[in-house]
Every structure is written in C-alpha cells, then in structure tokens.
Amino acid sequence: MMDIYLSSVSYRLNEVMKVLTVFTALFAPLTFLVGVYGMNFPHIPEFGLRYAYLYLWGFMLTVTRRDVLLLQRKGWL
C-alpha cells in the first residue's frame, strides 16, 4: 500500500512539474526581452527605429507561438 501511495504522489508531482516547466518555457524568453528593452540606456540602436516597439511585440509573439507549437508537438499541451 505504501508503494502505491508513493507512486501516486510521485505521479502528481511529475504532472505539477510539467505544468511549471511549460510556464517557464513560455515566459522565460519574454522576460529576458522585456528586461533588456526595459533598461534606460540612452544609446540602444533600436531606439532610433520608428517601429521598434511594434517589432519587439511581433518578435515576442513569434517566439511565444514557436514555443507553443514545439510544446504541442511534444504532447505537453
């Protein structure tokens, strides 16, 4: 009975870890990008572009979509 209980607890823990890994895989690249572009440096070359903000949003959406597709292909979503 103890082995069955420990096995079920281990399975639940693995499922929770999989969900946390999915959240981390989706939000870690976005957090990095926002952190870099959120700094107040006066001489970042991208600030000279008129649509740099839109390009960043487009890139972030592309990265998120790619990650979702990869996770779906692996069967995690």
PDB file of N, CA and C in Angstrom:
ATOM      1  N   MET A   1       0.822  -1.183   0.000  1.00  0.00           N
ATOM      2  CA  MET A   1       0.000   0.000   0.000  1.00  0.00           C
ATOM      3  C   MET A   1       0.876   1.262   0.000  1.00  0.00           C
ATOM      4  N   MET A   2       1.968   1.208   0.739  1.00  0.00           N
ATOM      5  CA  MET A   2       2.855   2.363   0.797  1.00  0.00           C
ATOM      6  C   MET A   2       3.464   2.642  -0.582  1.00  0.00           C
ATOM      7  N   ASP A   3       3.849   1.581  -1.312  1.00  0.00           N
ATOM      8  CA  ASP A   3       4.411   1.777  -2.646  1.00  0.00           C
ATOM      9  C   ASP A   3       3.394   2.392  -3.597  1.00  0.00           C
ATOM     10  N   ILE A   4       2.152   1.980  -3.503  1.00  0.00           N
ATOM     11  CA  ILE A   4       1.105   2.553  -4.358  1.00  0.00           C
ATOM     12  C   ILE A   4       0.908   4.021  -4.022  1.00  0.00           C
ATOM     13  N   TYR A   5       0.881   4.355  -2.750  1.00  0.00           N
ATOM     14  CA  TYR A   5       0.713   5.741  -2.337  1.00  0.00           C
ATOM     15  C   TYR A   5       1.885   6.602  -2.818  1.00  0.00           C
ATOM     16  N   LEU A   6       3.099   6.140  -2.604  1.00  0.00           N
ATOM     17  CA  LEU A   6       4.270   6.903  -3.033  1.00  0.00           C
ATOM     18  C   LEU A   6       4.313   7.052  -4.554  1.00  0.00           C
ATOM     19  N   SER A   7       3.897   6.036  -5.276  1.00  0.00           N
ATOM     20  CA  SER A   7       3.849   6.108  -6.726  1.00  0.00           C
ATOM     21  C   SER A   7       2.833   7.152  -7.192  1.00  0.00           C
ATOM     22  N   SER A   8       1.673   7.209  -6.539  1.00  0.00           N
ATOM     23  CA  SER A   8       0.659   8.193  -6.939  1.00  0.00           C
ATOM     24  C   SER A   8       1.108   9.611  -6.595  1.00  0.00           C
ATOM     25  N   VAL A   9       1.770   9.784  -5.461  1.00  0.00           N
ATOM     26  CA  VAL A   9       2.286  11.105  -5.094  1.00  0.00           C
ATOM     27  C   VAL A   9       3.370  11.535  -6.078  1.00  0.00           C
ATOM     28  N   SER A  10       4.221  10.614  -6.476  1.00  0.00           N
ATOM     29  CA  SER A  10       5.276  10.917  -7.440  1.00  0.00           C
ATOM     30  C   SER A  10       4.676  11.295  -8.791  1.00  0.00           C
ATOM     31  N   TYR A  11       3.631  10.601  -9.209  1.00  0.00           N
ATOM     32  CA  TYR A  11       2.978  10.920 -10.476  1.00  0.00           C
ATOM     33  C   TYR A  11       2.370  12.318 -10.436  1.00  0.00           C
ATOM     34  N   ARG A  12       1.703  12.668  -9.352  1.00  0.00           N
ATOM     35  CA  ARG A  12       1.121  14.007  -9.224  1.00  0.00           C
ATOM     36  C   ARG A  12       2.206  15.077  -9.240  1.00  0.00           C
ATOM     37  N   LEU A  13       3.309  14.824  -8.558  1.00  0.00           N
ATOM     38  CA  LEU A  13       4.415  15.772  -8.550  1.00  0.00           C
ATOM     39  C   LEU A  13       4.983  15.965  -9.959  1.00  0.00           C
ATOM     40  N   ASN A  14       5.098  14.882 -10.710  1.00  0.00           N
ATOM     41  CA  ASN A  14       5.596  14.988 -12.082  1.00  0.00           C
ATOM     42  C   ASN A  14       4.649  15.810 -12.948  1.00  0.00           C
ATOM     43  N   GLU A  15       3.354  15.668 -12.762  1.00  0.00           N
ATOM     44  CA  GLU A  15       2.390  16.460 -13.529  1.00  0.00           C
ATOM     45  C   GLU A  15       2.501  17.945 -13.181  1.00  0.00           C
ATOM     46  N   VAL A  16       2.684  18.259 -11.909  1.00  0.00           N
ATOM     47  CA  VAL A  16       2.852  19.647 -11.496  1.00  0.00           C
ATOM     48  C   VAL A  16       4.139  20.211 -12.075  1.00  0.00           C
ATOM     49  N   MET A  17       5.201  19.444 -12.056  1.00  0.00           N
ATOM     50  CA  MET A  17       6.471  19.902 -12.609  1.00  0.00           C
ATOM     51  C   MET A  17       6.365  20.135 -14.114  1.00  0.00           C
ATOM     52  N   LYS A  18       5.584  19.328 -14.810  1.00  0.00           N
ATOM     53  CA  LYS A  18       5.402  19.527 -16.238  1.00  0.00           C
ATOM     54  C   LYS A  18       4.688  20.848 -16.506  1.00  0.00           C
ATOM     55  N   VAL A  19       3.666  21.171 -15.726  1.00  0.00           N
ATOM     56  CA  VAL A  19       2.950  22.441 -15.893  1.00  0.00           C
ATOM     57  C   VAL A  19       3.883  23.621 -15.614  1.00  0.00           C
ATOM     58  N   LEU A  20       4.671  23.534 -14.557  1.00  0.00           N
ATOM     59  CA  LEU A  20       5.606  24.612 -14.238  1.00  0.00           C
ATOM     60  C   LEU A  20       6.670  24.770 -15.324  1.00  0.00           C
ATOM     61  N   THR A  21       7.099  23.672 -15.907  1.00  0.00           N
ATOM     62  CA  THR A  21       8.074  23.731 -16.988  1.00  0.00           C
ATOM     63  C   THR A  21       7.486  24.408 -18.224  1.00  0.00           C
ATOM     64  N   VAL A  22       6.226  24.143 -18.508  1.00  0.00           N
ATOM     65  CA  VAL A  22       5.562  24.789 -19.644  1.00  0.00           C
ATOM     66  C   VAL A  22       5.498  26.297 -19.423  1.00  0.00           C
ATOM     67  N   PHE A  23       5.079  26.728 -18.240  1.00  0.00           N
ATOM     68  CA  PHE A  23       5.024  28.158 -17.946  1.00  0.00           C
ATOM     69  C   PHE A  23       6.413  28.800 -18.059  1.00  0.00           C
ATOM     70  N   THR A  24       7.416  28.123 -17.563  1.00  0.00           N
ATOM     71  CA  THR A  24       8.776  28.651 -17.639  1.00  0.00           C
ATOM     72  C   THR A  24       9.248  28.738 -19.090  1.00  0.00           C
ATOM     73  N   ALA A  25       8.957  27.719 -19.869  1.00  0.00           N
ATOM     74  CA  ALA A  25       9.375  27.726 -21.273  1.00  0.00           C
ATOM     75  C   ALA A  25       8.697  28.847 -22.050  1.00  0.00           C
ATOM     76  N   LEU A  26       7.486  29.201 -21.676  1.00  0.00           N
ATOM     77  CA  LEU A  26       6.780  30.260 -22.385  1.00  0.00           C
ATOM     78  C   LEU A  26       7.201  31.655 -21.932  1.00  0.00           C
ATOM     79  N   PHE A  27       7.441  31.835 -20.641  1.00  0.00           N
ATOM     80  CA  PHE A  27       7.669  33.175 -20.120  1.00  0.00           C
ATOM     81  C   PHE A  27       9.133  33.555 -19.936  1.00  0.00           C
ATOM     82  N   ALA A  28      10.062  32.631 -19.904  1.00  0.00           N
ATOM     83  CA  ALA A  28      11.477  32.983 -19.721  1.00  0.00           C
ATOM     84  C   ALA A  28      12.029  33.827 -20.874  1.00  0.00           C
ATOM     85  N   PRO A  29      11.789  33.449 -22.145  1.00  0.00           N
ATOM     86  CA  PRO A  29      12.310  34.312 -23.218  1.00  0.00           C
ATOM     87  C   PRO A  29      11.665  35.691 -23.232  1.00  0.00           C
ATOM     88  N   LEU A  30      10.373  35.748 -22.923  1.00  0.00           N
ATOM     89  CA  LEU A  30       9.681  37.038 -22.906  1.00  0.00           C
ATOM     90  C   LEU A  30      10.197  37.917 -21.775  1.00  0.00           C
ATOM     91  N   THR A  31      10.469  37.330 -20.639  1.00  0.00           N
ATOM     92  CA  THR A  31      11.002  38.084 -19.512  1.00  0.00           C
ATOM     93  C   THR A  31      12.376  38.651 -19.848  1.00  0.00           C
ATOM     94  N   PHE A  32      13.188  37.867 -20.531  1.00  0.00           N
ATOM     95  CA  PHE A  32      14.505  38.354 -20.945  1.00  0.00           C
ATOM     96  C   PHE A  32      14.380  39.541 -21.889  1.00  0.00           C
ATOM     97  N   LEU A  33      13.528  39.414 -22.898  1.00  0.00           N
ATOM     98  CA  LEU A  33      13.376  40.505 -23.869  1.00  0.00           C
ATOM     99  C   LEU A  33      12.845  41.774 -23.213  1.00  0.00           C
ATOM    100  N   VAL A  34      11.860  41.643 -22.362  1.00  0.00           N
ATOM    101  CA  VAL A  34      11.306  42.817 -21.688  1.00  0.00           C
ATOM    102  C   VAL A  34      12.336  43.422 -20.742  1.00  0.00           C
ATOM    103  N   GLY A  35      13.139  42.596 -20.105  1.00  0.00           N
ATOM    104  CA  GLY A  35      14.170  43.101 -19.207  1.00  0.00           C
ATOM    105  C   GLY A  35      15.235  43.886 -19.947  1.00  0.00           C
ATOM    106  N   VAL A  36      15.635  43.398 -21.114  1.00  0.00           N
ATOM    107  CA  VAL A  36      16.653  44.103 -21.894  1.00  0.00           C
ATOM    108  C   VAL A  36      16.112  45.431 -22.405  1.00  0.00           C
ATOM    109  N   TYR A  37      14.908  45.412 -22.956  1.00  0.00           N
ATOM    110  CA  TYR A  37      14.362  46.638 -23.536  1.00  0.00           C
ATOM    111  C   TYR A  37      13.731  47.555 -22.493  1.00  0.00           C
ATOM    112  N   GLY A  38      13.650  47.112 -21.274  1.00  0.00           N
ATOM    113  CA  GLY A  38      13.128  47.963 -20.218  1.00  0.00           C
ATOM    114  C   GLY A  38      14.207  48.789 -19.532  1.00  0.00           C
ATOM    115  N   MET A  39      15.480  48.533 -19.867  1.00  0.00           N
ATOM    116  CA  MET A  39      16.569  49.296 -19.273  1.00  0.00           C
ATOM    117  C   MET A  39      16.624  50.701 -19.870  1.00  0.00           C
ATOM    118  N   ASN A  40      17.101  51.623 -19.106  1.00  0.00           N
ATOM    119  CA  ASN A  40      17.141  53.015 -19.546  1.00  0.00           C
ATOM    120  C   ASN A  40      18.524  53.405 -20.056  1.00  0.00           C
ATOM    121  N   PHE A  41      18.952  52.774 -21.125  1.00  0.00           N
ATOM    122  CA  PHE A  41      20.207  53.137 -21.765  1.00  0.00           C
ATOM    123  C   PHE A  41      19.922  54.185 -22.830  1.00  0.00           C
ATOM    124  N   PRO A  42      20.735  55.223 -22.899  1.00  0.00           N
ATOM    125  CA  PRO A  42      20.452  56.266 -23.890  1.00  0.00           C
ATOM    126  C   PRO A  42      20.862  55.896 -25.315  1.00  0.00           C
ATOM    127  N   HIS A  43      21.740  54.908 -25.499  1.00  0.00           N
ATOM    128  CA  HIS A  43      22.283  54.647 -26.839  1.00  0.00           C
ATOM    129  C   HIS A  43      22.031  53.215 -27.302  1.00  0.00           C
ATOM    130  N   ILE A  44      20.791  52.760 -27.234  1.00  0.00           N
ATOM    131  CA  ILE A  44      20.448  51.472 -27.815  1.00  0.00           C
ATOM    132  C   ILE A  44      20.039  51.736 -29.265  1.00  0.00           C
ATOM    133  N   PRO A  45      20.688  51.079 -30.236  1.00  0.00           N
ATOM    134  CA  PRO A  45      20.423  51.401 -31.643  1.00  0.00           C
ATOM    135  C   PRO A  45      18.956  51.236 -32.050  1.00  0.00           C
ATOM    136  N   GLU A  46      18.251  50.311 -31.416  1.00  0.00           N
ATOM    137  CA  GLU A  46      16.868  50.057 -31.802  1.00  0.00           C
ATOM    138  C   GLU A  46      15.951  51.235 -31.485  1.00  0.00           C
ATOM    139  N   PHE A  47      16.357  52.109 -30.569  1.00  0.00           N
ATOM    140  CA  PHE A  47      15.506  53.246 -30.227  1.00  0.00           C
ATOM    141  C   PHE A  47      15.379  54.235 -31.379  1.00  0.00           C
ATOM    142  N   GLY A  48      16.306  54.184 -32.331  1.00  0.00           N
ATOM    143  CA  GLY A  48      16.233  55.062 -33.482  1.00  0.00           C
ATOM    144  C   GLY A  48      15.190  54.623 -34.504  1.00  0.00           C
ATOM    145  N   LEU A  49      14.751  53.367 -34.424  1.00  0.00           N
ATOM    146  CA  LEU A  49      13.750  52.869 -35.359  1.00  0.00           C
ATOM    147  C   LEU A  49      12.365  53.377 -34.976  1.00  0.00           C
ATOM    148  N   ARG A  50      11.608  53.734 -35.979  1.00  0.00           N
ATOM    149  CA  ARG A  50      10.285  54.291 -35.711  1.00  0.00           C
ATOM    150  C   ARG A  50       9.341  53.227 -35.136  1.00  0.00           C
ATOM    151  N   TYR A  51       9.427  52.011 -35.645  1.00  0.00           N
ATOM    152  CA  TYR A  51       8.502  50.957 -35.226  1.00  0.00           C
ATOM    153  C   TYR A  51       9.185  49.891 -34.372  1.00  0.00           C
ATOM    154  N   ALA A  52      10.191  50.273 -33.622  1.00  0.00           N
ATOM    155  CA  ALA A  52      10.923  49.296 -32.800  1.00  0.00           C
ATOM    156  C   ALA A  52      10.011  48.622 -31.782  1.00  0.00           C
ATOM    157  N   TYR A  53       9.080  49.373 -31.221  1.00  0.00           N
ATOM    158  CA  TYR A  53       8.151  48.812 -30.236  1.00  0.00           C
ATOM    159  C   TYR A  53       7.276  47.732 -30.876  1.00  0.00           C
ATOM    160  N   LEU A  54       6.778  48.000 -32.071  1.00  0.00           N
ATOM    161  CA  LEU A  54       5.957  47.012 -32.770  1.00  0.00           C
ATOM    162  C   LEU A  54       6.776  45.800 -33.193  1.00  0.00           C
ATOM    163  N   TYR A  55       8.029  46.043 -33.612  1.00  0.00           N
ATOM    164  CA  TYR A  55       8.897  44.923 -33.970  1.00  0.00           C
ATOM    165  C   TYR A  55       9.144  44.022 -32.762  1.00  0.00           C
ATOM    166  N   LEU A  56       9.348  44.630 -31.602  1.00  0.00           N
ATOM    167  CA  LEU A  56       9.566  43.843 -30.388  1.00  0.00           C
ATOM    168  C   LEU A  56       8.337  43.011 -30.070  1.00  0.00           C
ATOM    169  N   TRP A  57       7.154  43.603 -30.157  1.00  0.00           N
ATOM    170  CA  TRP A  57       5.914  42.855 -29.907  1.00  0.00           C
ATOM    171  C   TRP A  57       5.760  41.724 -30.915  1.00  0.00           C
ATOM    172  N   GLY A  58       6.052  41.992 -32.161  1.00  0.00           N
ATOM    173  CA  GLY A  58       5.963  40.942 -33.172  1.00  0.00           C
ATOM    174  C   GLY A  58       6.933  39.803 -32.908  1.00  0.00           C
ATOM    175  N   PHE A  59       8.151  40.167 -32.507  1.00  0.00           N
ATOM    176  CA  PHE A  59       9.138  39.135 -32.190  1.00  0.00           C
ATOM    177  C   PHE A  59       8.715  38.317 -30.973  1.00  0.00           C
ATOM    178  N   MET A  60       8.166  38.983 -29.949  1.00  0.00           N
ATOM    179  CA  MET A  60       7.717  38.276 -28.758  1.00  0.00           C
ATOM    180  C   MET A  60       6.554  37.333 -29.090  1.00  0.00           C
ATOM    181  N   LEU A  61       5.642  37.769 -29.932  1.00  0.00           N
ATOM    182  CA  LEU A  61       4.537  36.895 -30.335  1.00  0.00           C
ATOM    183  C   LEU A  61       5.039  35.715 -31.168  1.00  0.00           C
ATOM    184  N   THR A  62       6.043  35.962 -32.003  1.00  0.00           N
ATOM    185  CA  THR A  62       6.622  34.880 -32.800  1.00  0.00           C
ATOM    186  C   THR A  62       7.308  33.845 -31.916  1.00  0.00           C
ATOM    187  N   VAL A  63       8.062  34.309 -30.928  1.00  0.00           N
ATOM    188  CA  VAL A  63       8.740  33.394 -30.004  1.00  0.00           C
ATOM    189  C   VAL A  63       7.710  32.580 -29.219  1.00  0.00           C
ATOM    190  N   THR A  64       6.663  33.228 -28.758  1.00  0.00           N
ATOM    191  CA  THR A  64       5.632  32.522 -27.994  1.00  0.00           C
ATOM    192  C   THR A  64       4.936  31.490 -28.861  1.00  0.00           C
ATOM    193  N   ARG A  65       4.598  31.861 -30.088  1.00  0.00           N
ATOM    194  CA  ARG A  65       3.926  30.919 -30.987  1.00  0.00           C
ATOM    195  C   ARG A  65       4.822  29.723 -31.287  1.00  0.00           C
ATOM    196  N   ARG A  66       6.116  29.972 -31.499  1.00  0.00           N
ATOM    197  CA  ARG A  66       7.052  28.884 -31.750  1.00  0.00           C
ATOM    198  C   ARG A  66       7.130  27.929 -30.557  1.00  0.00           C
ATOM    199  N   ASP A  67       7.186  28.504 -29.360  1.00  0.00           N
ATOM    200  CA  ASP A  67       7.253  27.669 -28.167  1.00  0.00           C
ATOM    201  C   ASP A  67       5.982  26.847 -27.982  1.00  0.00           C
ATOM    202  N   VAL A  68       4.836  27.458 -28.245  1.00  0.00           N
ATOM    203  CA  VAL A  68       3.570  26.718 -28.119  1.00  0.00           C
ATOM    204  C   VAL A  68       3.530  25.574 -29.127  1.00  0.00           C
ATOM    205  N   LEU A  69       3.961  25.826 -30.349  1.00  0.00           N
ATOM    206  CA  LEU A  69       3.968  24.763 -31.354  1.00  0.00           C
ATOM    207  C   LEU A  69       4.914  23.624 -30.966  1.00  0.00           C
ATOM    208  N   LEU A  70       6.086  23.975 -30.440  1.00  0.00           N
ATOM    209  CA  LEU A  70       7.023  22.935 -30.005  1.00  0.00           C
ATOM    210  C   LEU A  70       6.458  22.109 -28.850  1.00  0.00           C
ATOM    211  N   LEU A  71       5.815  22.775 -27.915  1.00  0.00           N
ATOM    212  CA  LEU A  71       5.226  22.066 -26.778  1.00  0.00           C
ATOM    213  C   LEU A  71       4.063  21.196 -27.217  1.00  0.00           C
ATOM    214  N   GLN A  72       3.280  21.668 -28.179  1.00  0.00           N
ATOM    215  CA  GLN A  72       2.182  20.846 -28.701  1.00  0.00           C
ATOM    216  C   GLN A  72       2.716  19.631 -29.437  1.00  0.00           C
ATOM    217  N   ARG A  73       3.805  19.813 -30.194  1.00  0.00           N
ATOM    218  CA  ARG A  73       4.390  18.695 -30.929  1.00  0.00           C
ATOM    219  C   ARG A  73       4.908  17.628 -29.976  1.00  0.00           C
ATOM    220  N   LYS A  74       5.414  18.048 -28.812  1.00  0.00           N
ATOM    221  CA  LYS A  74       5.891  17.087 -27.817  1.00  0.00           C
ATOM    222  C   LYS A  74       4.764  16.463 -27.011  1.00  0.00           C
ATOM    223  N   GLY A  75       3.540  17.017 -27.158  1.00  0.00           N
ATOM    224  CA  GLY A  75       2.394  16.465 -26.438  1.00  0.00           C
ATOM    225  C   GLY A  75       2.227  17.004 -25.042  1.00  0.00           C
ATOM    226  N   TRP A  76       2.844  18.121 -24.729  1.00  0.00           N
ATOM    227  CA  TRP A  76       2.741  18.693 -23.391  1.00  0.00           C
ATOM    228  C   TRP A  76       1.550  19.621 -23.254  1.00  0.00           C
ATOM    229  N   LEU A  77       1.009  20.089 -24.377  1.00  0.00           N
ATOM    230  CA  LEU A  77      -0.171  20.973 -24.326  1.00  0.00           C
ATOM    231  C   LEU A  77      -1.352  20.275 -24.971  1.00  0.00           C
TER     232      LEU A  77
END
